[in-house]
């Protein structure tokens, strides 16, 4: 047996994200306009950057506490209380993590065992499924495309009837990547009433919570505190993707266990980034407002222009994505459509199949790009479609 054959079989089944692979492929095309990756095109606010610079100059270069500087956890507790009306004890119920991705990893590795099952609404950000696989668990995919991409109590009850003995958790992500759809308060209330019937963890990934448009974000933790682990961070709200600051918010008993996984995954997050994050969560509490206004303007423009081209779109209420169904008469295989569009139309979108079978025949557009680029991209898309 070759040594390579002794690698963890769960790892060997995992592939590099189709999003990244497609983005790398189309990047080679000359004069391509890319609306592919989900990264803010804004820069980190200047006052936050200066807080990071100050931390370097003040030699804040040693480990913090494993769960993060207490000052940061206090700021995070105050932020989530002010914004979303939930109270978490900064001493015992919050962990500062290396981005929301590590928050998810530490959480899933803490609660999942081989043989467990996890309810996952589809289409969904593909990063969840490899983490579930690495824990030896299995996703149960719930297709919500027949309800405007909004999960219903009926979806959950039906899945629990089939799999209840093995289901350990459900993952919710809203506002959603890839659809931009979010849950209204009344919808969260109904889902919480349903989920409280079952002894399962609710992992609520709310990384786009500050980028909601017509409605204010409602955290799942407000309605089902004792079952919910809220995941959040500063990558999207403060354009701080490279700073790698995320959080888990959860009841003390859960947090104590997640902290163990967090410790052995990363020890702690960057001290310098944490100091910048304190600035972001205090003096920069409302930094996302200006970005949100610009994103909303972009959303309205792209939604309108793609609608004119007969794309079917569930109107996004948050994040910075449009998930559009390819019109009849065009290639229905989403990869083939996006590849052809990139080659002949010089516009790069992400194939919906990257988000699971429920995403086939859709494309995802990231409007985290300036208006000049979006106008040019929509002009090219029109030329390709017509």
Protein backbone atom coordinates (compact mmCIF):
# COMPACT_ATOMS: atom_id res chain seq x y z
CA UNK A 1 0.00 0.00 0.00
CA UNK A 2 1.33 3.44 -0.95
CA UNK A 3 1.59 5.90 1.90
CA UNK A 4 -0.85 8.24 0.16
CA UNK A 5 -3.53 5.55 0.56
CA UNK A 6 -3.28 5.84 4.34
CA UNK A 7 -4.54 9.44 4.39
CA UNK A 8 -7.84 10.02 6.18
CA UNK A 9 -10.49 8.85 3.69
CA UNK A 10 -12.79 11.71 4.68
CA UNK A 11 -10.13 14.16 3.48
CA UNK A 12 -9.59 12.28 0.24
CA UNK A 13 -13.25 12.67 -0.70
CA UNK A 14 -13.09 16.46 -0.31
CA UNK A 15 -12.34 18.64 -3.32
CA UNK A 16 -11.21 22.24 -3.64
CA UNK A 17 -14.28 24.48 -3.76
CA UNK A 18 -15.92 24.64 -7.19
CA UNK A 19 -16.24 28.39 -6.61
CA UNK A 20 -12.49 28.81 -6.30
CA UNK A 21 -11.72 26.41 -9.14
CA UNK A 22 -14.07 28.18 -11.53
CA UNK A 23 -12.79 31.59 -10.48
CA UNK A 24 -9.19 30.52 -11.14
CA UNK A 25 -10.13 29.08 -14.51
CA UNK A 26 -11.95 32.16 -15.81
CA UNK A 27 -9.28 34.50 -14.44
CA UNK A 28 -7.10 33.40 -17.34
CA UNK A 29 -9.51 34.89 -19.90
CA UNK A 30 -8.33 38.32 -21.14
CA UNK A 31 -10.59 41.30 -20.32
CA UNK A 32 -12.93 39.18 -18.18
CA UNK A 33 -15.26 40.93 -15.70
CA UNK A 34 -15.51 38.74 -12.61
CA UNK A 35 -18.61 38.79 -10.40
CA UNK A 36 -17.55 35.59 -8.72
CA UNK A 37 -16.10 35.76 -5.22
CA UNK A 38 -17.99 36.84 -2.11
CA UNK A 39 -15.56 39.43 -0.81
CA UNK A 40 -16.39 43.08 -0.13
CA UNK A 41 -14.75 45.46 -2.57
CA UNK A 42 -14.58 48.12 0.15
CA UNK A 43 -11.44 48.60 2.21
CA UNK A 44 -11.34 48.20 5.97
CA UNK A 45 -12.37 51.53 7.60
CA UNK A 46 -9.36 53.75 8.22
CA UNK A 47 -9.87 54.05 11.97
CA UNK A 48 -9.93 50.24 12.26
CA UNK A 49 -6.71 49.93 10.25
CA UNK A 50 -5.05 52.51 12.48
CA UNK A 51 -6.04 50.51 15.55
CA UNK A 52 -4.19 47.57 14.02
CA UNK A 53 -1.15 49.74 13.31
CA UNK A 54 -1.20 51.02 16.89
CA UNK A 55 -1.30 47.44 18.18
CA UNK A 56 1.85 46.63 16.19
CA UNK A 57 3.62 49.75 17.43
CA UNK A 58 2.62 48.96 21.01
CA UNK A 59 4.02 45.43 20.66
CA UNK A 60 0.69 43.66 21.13
CA UNK A 61 2.32 40.58 19.67
CA UNK A 62 1.81 37.91 22.32
CA UNK A 63 -0.94 35.37 22.80
CA UNK A 64 -4.25 36.62 24.13
CA UNK A 65 -6.49 34.47 26.29
CA UNK A 66 -7.63 31.40 24.35
CA UNK A 67 -11.12 32.81 23.89
CA UNK A 68 -9.80 36.25 22.96
CA UNK A 69 -9.08 39.48 24.82
CA UNK A 70 -11.78 40.14 27.39
CA UNK A 71 -12.10 43.68 26.05
CA UNK A 72 -12.97 42.23 22.64
CA UNK A 73 -15.50 39.80 24.07
CA UNK A 74 -17.14 42.66 25.99
CA UNK A 75 -17.33 44.69 22.79
CA UNK A 76 -18.84 41.73 20.93
CA UNK A 77 -21.39 41.16 23.71
CA UNK A 78 -22.42 44.81 23.61
CA UNK A 79 -22.60 44.81 19.80
CA UNK A 80 -24.90 41.80 19.59
CA UNK A 81 -27.04 43.14 22.44
CA UNK A 82 -27.44 46.54 20.80
CA UNK A 83 -28.01 45.19 17.32
CA UNK A 84 -29.96 41.97 17.86
CA UNK A 85 -31.33 42.08 21.41
CA UNK A 86 -29.50 39.02 22.78
CA UNK A 87 -27.47 38.94 25.99
CA UNK A 88 -24.32 36.82 26.14
CA UNK A 89 -21.89 36.78 29.06
CA UNK A 90 -18.51 37.90 27.67
CA UNK A 91 -16.69 35.87 30.34
CA UNK A 92 -18.24 32.51 29.53
CA UNK A 93 -20.38 32.59 26.36
CA UNK A 94 -18.24 34.16 23.61
CA UNK A 95 -15.13 32.95 21.76
CA UNK A 96 -13.12 35.08 19.34
CA UNK A 97 -12.13 32.82 16.44
CA UNK A 98 -10.02 32.90 13.29
CA UNK A 99 -12.88 34.04 11.10
CA UNK A 100 -16.35 32.55 10.92
CA UNK A 101 -14.88 29.50 9.16
CA UNK A 102 -12.89 28.47 12.23
CA UNK A 103 -15.92 29.23 14.40
CA UNK A 104 -17.87 26.75 12.28
CA UNK A 105 -15.05 24.21 12.31
CA UNK A 106 -14.61 24.31 16.08
CA UNK A 107 -18.37 24.09 16.58
CA UNK A 108 -18.92 21.15 14.23
CA UNK A 109 -15.90 19.24 15.51
CA UNK A 110 -17.21 19.74 19.03
CA UNK A 111 -20.74 18.46 18.53
CA UNK A 112 -20.49 15.89 15.73
CA UNK A 113 -19.51 12.22 15.92
CA UNK A 114 -19.16 9.60 13.18
CA UNK A 115 -22.63 8.47 12.17
CA UNK A 116 -24.37 11.74 13.08
CA UNK A 117 -26.54 13.57 10.58
CA UNK A 118 -26.88 17.31 9.97
CA UNK A 119 -29.84 19.03 8.33
CA UNK A 120 -28.60 21.42 5.63
CA UNK A 121 -30.97 23.62 3.56
CA UNK A 122 -30.06 23.79 -0.11
CA UNK A 123 -28.74 25.57 -2.06
CA UNK A 124 -26.11 26.61 0.46
CA UNK A 125 -22.52 27.81 0.80
CA UNK A 126 -20.44 24.70 -0.02
CA UNK A 127 -17.96 25.16 2.83
CA UNK A 128 -20.27 23.44 5.32
CA UNK A 129 -20.32 20.02 3.70
CA UNK A 130 -16.57 19.26 3.87
CA UNK A 131 -16.53 20.21 7.58
CA UNK A 132 -19.41 17.82 8.23
CA UNK A 133 -17.55 15.10 6.29
CA UNK A 134 -14.31 15.67 8.21
CA UNK A 135 -16.23 15.06 11.43
CA UNK A 136 -17.45 11.74 10.02
CA UNK A 137 -21.06 12.92 9.85
CA UNK A 138 -23.53 13.01 6.96
CA UNK A 139 -25.53 15.96 5.61
CA UNK A 140 -29.27 15.60 5.04
CA UNK A 141 -30.00 18.02 2.21
CA UNK A 142 -33.28 19.92 2.39
CA UNK A 143 -34.30 21.48 -0.93
CA UNK A 144 -35.90 24.84 -0.16
CA UNK A 145 -35.98 26.05 -3.78
CA UNK A 146 -39.71 25.31 -3.99
CA UNK A 147 -40.41 27.96 -1.34
CA UNK A 148 -38.33 30.89 -2.52
CA UNK A 149 -35.27 29.34 -0.82
CA UNK A 150 -36.88 29.75 2.63
CA UNK A 151 -36.87 26.66 4.86
CA UNK A 152 -40.24 25.80 6.44
CA UNK A 153 -41.29 23.87 9.56
CA UNK A 154 -42.66 21.21 7.20
CA UNK A 155 -39.20 20.68 5.71
CA UNK A 156 -37.81 20.07 9.20
CA UNK A 157 -40.62 17.83 10.45
CA UNK A 158 -40.44 15.65 7.35
CA UNK A 159 -36.67 15.22 7.69
CA UNK A 160 -36.89 14.47 11.40
CA UNK A 161 -39.48 11.73 10.81
CA UNK A 162 -37.01 9.97 8.52
CA UNK A 163 -33.77 10.61 10.39
CA UNK A 164 -34.59 11.79 13.93
CA UNK A 165 -32.48 9.25 15.84
CA UNK A 166 -29.30 10.32 14.07
CA UNK A 167 -29.83 14.06 13.53
CA UNK A 168 -27.50 16.05 15.79
CA UNK A 169 -27.76 19.55 14.30
CA UNK A 170 -29.17 21.87 11.68
CA UNK A 171 -27.19 24.60 9.92
CA UNK A 172 -28.96 27.83 9.02
CA UNK A 173 -27.32 30.63 7.02
CA UNK A 174 -29.12 33.94 6.60
CA UNK A 175 -28.93 36.28 4.85
CA UNK A 176 -27.97 33.45 2.57
CA UNK A 177 -24.99 32.75 0.43
CA UNK A 178 -25.79 32.14 -2.46
CA UNK A 179 -29.38 33.45 -2.65
CA UNK A 180 -29.31 36.65 -0.58
CA UNK A 181 -32.64 35.53 0.90
CA UNK A 182 -33.14 36.04 4.64
CA UNK A 183 -35.74 35.06 7.25
CA UNK A 184 -38.35 37.43 8.60
CA UNK A 185 -39.17 37.51 12.31
CA UNK A 186 -42.38 35.54 11.81
CA UNK A 187 -40.51 32.85 9.88
CA UNK A 188 -37.84 32.53 12.57
CA UNK A 189 -40.56 32.28 15.21
CA UNK A 190 -42.16 29.36 13.37
CA UNK A 191 -38.84 27.59 12.78
CA UNK A 192 -37.85 28.03 16.43
CA UNK A 193 -41.17 26.60 17.61
CA UNK A 194 -40.56 23.58 15.42
CA UNK A 195 -36.91 23.04 16.35
CA UNK A 196 -37.55 23.26 20.08
CA UNK A 197 -39.46 19.99 19.77
CA UNK A 198 -36.22 18.21 18.88
CA UNK A 199 -33.05 17.71 20.87
CA UNK A 200 -30.69 19.08 18.23
CA UNK A 201 -28.21 21.93 17.99
CA UNK A 202 -29.05 24.93 15.83
CA UNK A 203 -25.94 26.39 14.20
CA UNK A 204 -26.96 29.81 12.92
CA UNK A 205 -24.39 31.35 10.58
CA UNK A 206 -25.25 35.06 10.58
CA UNK A 207 -22.06 36.44 9.04
CA UNK A 208 -24.11 38.73 6.72
CA UNK A 209 -26.33 40.05 9.53
CA UNK A 210 -25.28 43.69 9.06
CA UNK A 211 -26.02 43.56 5.34
CA UNK A 212 -29.82 43.37 5.34
CA UNK A 213 -31.87 45.87 3.40
CA UNK A 214 -35.61 46.37 3.93
CA UNK A 215 -35.81 44.43 7.23
CA UNK A 216 -33.62 44.44 10.35
CA UNK A 217 -31.80 41.17 10.97
CA UNK A 218 -33.30 38.89 13.63
CA UNK A 219 -30.88 36.45 15.26
CA UNK A 220 -31.99 32.89 15.86
CA UNK A 221 -30.43 33.11 19.30
CA UNK A 222 -33.17 35.52 20.33
CA UNK A 223 -35.83 32.85 19.91
CA UNK A 224 -34.03 29.60 20.78
CA UNK A 225 -31.14 30.62 23.02
CA UNK A 226 -30.64 27.27 24.76
CA UNK A 227 -30.21 25.28 21.53
CA UNK A 228 -28.46 27.82 19.32
CA UNK A 229 -24.81 28.50 18.52
CA UNK A 230 -24.60 31.80 16.65
CA UNK A 231 -21.69 32.27 14.25
CA UNK A 232 -20.72 35.80 13.24
CA UNK A 233 -17.68 37.92 12.42
CA UNK A 234 -16.31 41.08 10.87
CA UNK A 235 -15.36 39.93 7.37
CA UNK A 236 -18.51 41.16 5.65
CA UNK A 237 -19.76 43.90 8.02
CA UNK A 238 -16.44 45.76 8.21
CA UNK A 239 -14.68 44.54 5.02
CA UNK A 240 -12.14 42.71 7.19
CA UNK A 241 -11.81 39.39 5.37
CA UNK A 242 -8.03 39.24 5.75
CA UNK A 243 -8.03 40.13 9.44
CA UNK A 244 -9.73 36.79 10.21
CA UNK A 245 -12.01 37.70 13.12
CA UNK A 246 -15.07 35.62 13.88
CA UNK A 247 -17.10 34.70 16.94
CA UNK A 248 -19.18 31.98 18.51
CA UNK A 249 -22.03 33.06 20.78
CA UNK A 250 -23.56 30.20 22.75
CA UNK A 251 -24.75 29.14 26.23
CA UNK A 252 -21.91 28.62 28.69
CA UNK A 253 -22.06 24.81 28.66
CA UNK A 254 -21.66 24.73 24.88
CA UNK A 255 -18.97 27.41 24.86
CA UNK A 256 -16.83 25.52 27.40
CA UNK A 257 -16.70 22.54 25.04
CA UNK A 258 -16.20 24.52 21.81
CA UNK A 259 -13.27 26.29 23.48
CA UNK A 260 -11.44 22.97 23.69
CA UNK A 261 -11.67 22.40 19.94
CA UNK A 262 -10.78 26.04 19.29
CA UNK A 263 -7.66 25.76 21.48
CA UNK A 264 -6.27 22.77 19.66
CA UNK A 265 -7.16 24.08 16.20
CA UNK A 266 -5.59 27.54 16.51
CA UNK A 267 -4.64 28.27 20.17
CA UNK A 268 -6.07 31.79 19.79
CA UNK A 269 -6.63 34.36 17.08
CA UNK A 270 -4.26 37.17 16.09
CA UNK A 271 -3.70 39.68 18.90
CA UNK A 272 -3.25 42.52 16.40
CA UNK A 273 -6.47 41.64 14.58
CA UNK A 274 -8.30 41.50 17.89
CA UNK A 275 -7.25 45.06 18.74
CA UNK A 276 -8.53 46.24 15.38
CA UNK A 277 -11.75 44.30 16.00
CA UNK A 278 -12.32 46.11 19.31
CA UNK A 279 -12.22 49.39 17.39
CA UNK A 280 -14.60 48.01 14.75
CA UNK A 281 -17.17 46.84 17.31
CA UNK A 282 -17.10 50.02 19.40
CA UNK A 283 -16.32 53.21 17.46
CA UNK A 284 -17.15 51.40 14.23
CA UNK A 285 -20.42 49.85 15.38
CA UNK A 286 -22.26 51.39 12.43
CA UNK A 287 -19.51 51.20 9.82
CA UNK A 288 -21.62 48.83 7.74
CA UNK A 289 -24.38 51.40 7.16
CA UNK A 290 -22.66 53.21 4.28
CA UNK A 291 -21.59 49.92 2.68
CA UNK A 292 -25.12 48.55 3.03
CA UNK A 293 -26.60 51.56 1.20
CA UNK A 294 -24.19 51.06 -1.67
CA UNK A 295 -24.85 47.31 -1.82
CA UNK A 296 -28.59 47.97 -1.92
CA UNK A 297 -28.17 50.33 -4.87
CA UNK A 298 -26.12 47.70 -6.67
CA UNK A 299 -28.63 44.98 -5.86
CA UNK A 300 -31.48 47.02 -7.29
CA UNK A 301 -29.56 47.69 -10.49
CA UNK A 302 -28.46 44.08 -11.11
CA UNK A 303 -31.88 42.69 -10.12
CA UNK A 304 -33.60 45.03 -12.57
CA UNK A 305 -31.19 44.41 -15.45
CA UNK A 306 -31.22 40.62 -15.11
CA UNK A 307 -35.01 40.66 -14.78
CA UNK A 308 -35.22 42.39 -18.16
CA UNK A 309 -33.29 39.43 -19.58
CA UNK A 310 -35.89 36.97 -18.19
CA UNK A 311 -33.78 35.59 -15.37
CA UNK A 312 -36.06 34.33 -12.58
CA UNK A 313 -34.81 35.72 -9.26
CA UNK A 314 -35.95 35.41 -5.65
CA UNK A 315 -35.45 39.03 -4.58
CA UNK A 316 -32.46 39.11 -2.23
CA UNK A 317 -33.00 40.86 1.08
CA UNK A 318 -29.40 40.81 2.26
CA UNK A 319 -25.76 39.83 1.65
CA UNK A 320 -24.42 40.79 -1.80
CA UNK A 321 -25.56 37.98 -4.08
CA UNK A 322 -28.23 37.38 -6.69
CA UNK A 323 -29.17 33.77 -7.43
CA UNK A 324 -30.82 33.71 -10.83
CA UNK A 325 -32.48 30.91 -12.77
CA UNK A 326 -31.17 30.64 -16.34
CA UNK A 327 -33.94 31.49 -18.84
CA UNK A 328 -35.32 28.78 -21.09
CA UNK A 329 -33.68 28.69 -24.50
CA UNK A 330 -30.19 28.95 -23.03
CA UNK A 331 -27.84 26.28 -21.73
CA UNK A 332 -29.47 24.85 -18.59
CA UNK A 333 -26.36 23.17 -17.26
CA UNK A 334 -25.07 25.95 -15.02
CA UNK A 335 -21.39 25.14 -15.50
CA UNK A 336 -21.74 25.00 -19.29
CA UNK A 337 -23.69 28.27 -19.28
CA UNK A 338 -21.16 30.10 -17.10
CA UNK A 339 -18.22 28.74 -19.04
CA UNK A 340 -19.74 29.81 -22.36
CA UNK A 341 -20.66 33.22 -20.94
CA UNK A 342 -17.10 33.71 -19.71
CA UNK A 343 -15.52 32.73 -23.03
CA UNK A 344 -17.90 34.50 -25.39
CA UNK A 345 -19.46 37.19 -23.20
CA UNK A 346 -16.41 38.03 -21.06
CA UNK A 347 -18.45 37.96 -17.82
CA UNK A 348 -17.75 35.47 -15.04
CA UNK A 349 -20.54 34.26 -12.76
CA UNK A 350 -20.52 31.21 -10.47
CA UNK A 351 -22.44 28.11 -11.62
CA UNK A 352 -25.34 27.32 -9.31
CA UNK A 353 -24.26 23.67 -9.19
CA UNK A 354 -21.40 24.79 -6.91
CA UNK A 355 -24.07 25.13 -4.20
CA UNK A 356 -25.52 21.65 -4.59
CA UNK A 357 -28.02 19.91 -6.84
CA UNK A 358 -30.74 22.39 -5.89
CA UNK A 359 -28.63 25.09 -7.53
CA UNK A 360 -28.44 23.49 -10.94
CA UNK A 361 -29.74 25.74 -13.75
CA UNK A 362 -29.00 28.81 -11.60
CA UNK A 363 -26.09 31.25 -11.52
CA UNK A 364 -24.77 33.30 -8.61
CA UNK A 365 -23.83 36.92 -9.17
CA UNK A 366 -21.71 38.72 -6.59
CA UNK A 367 -22.43 42.44 -6.72
CA UNK A 368 -19.53 43.20 -4.39
CA UNK A 369 -18.11 45.27 -7.23
CA UNK A 370 -18.31 48.95 -8.09
CA UNK A 371 -21.15 50.30 -10.24
CA UNK A 372 -18.91 50.96 -13.23
CA UNK A 373 -17.96 47.29 -13.36
CA UNK A 374 -21.55 46.17 -12.80
CA UNK A 375 -22.88 48.40 -15.59
CA UNK A 376 -20.27 47.04 -17.97
CA UNK A 377 -20.99 43.46 -16.89
CA UNK A 378 -24.74 43.82 -17.40
CA UNK A 379 -24.15 45.33 -20.85
CA UNK A 380 -22.03 42.34 -21.80
CA UNK A 381 -24.56 39.92 -20.31
CA UNK A 382 -27.32 41.53 -22.39
CA UNK A 383 -25.21 41.20 -25.52
CA UNK A 384 -24.60 37.52 -24.78
CA UNK A 385 -28.25 36.69 -23.94
CA UNK A 386 -29.76 38.51 -26.89
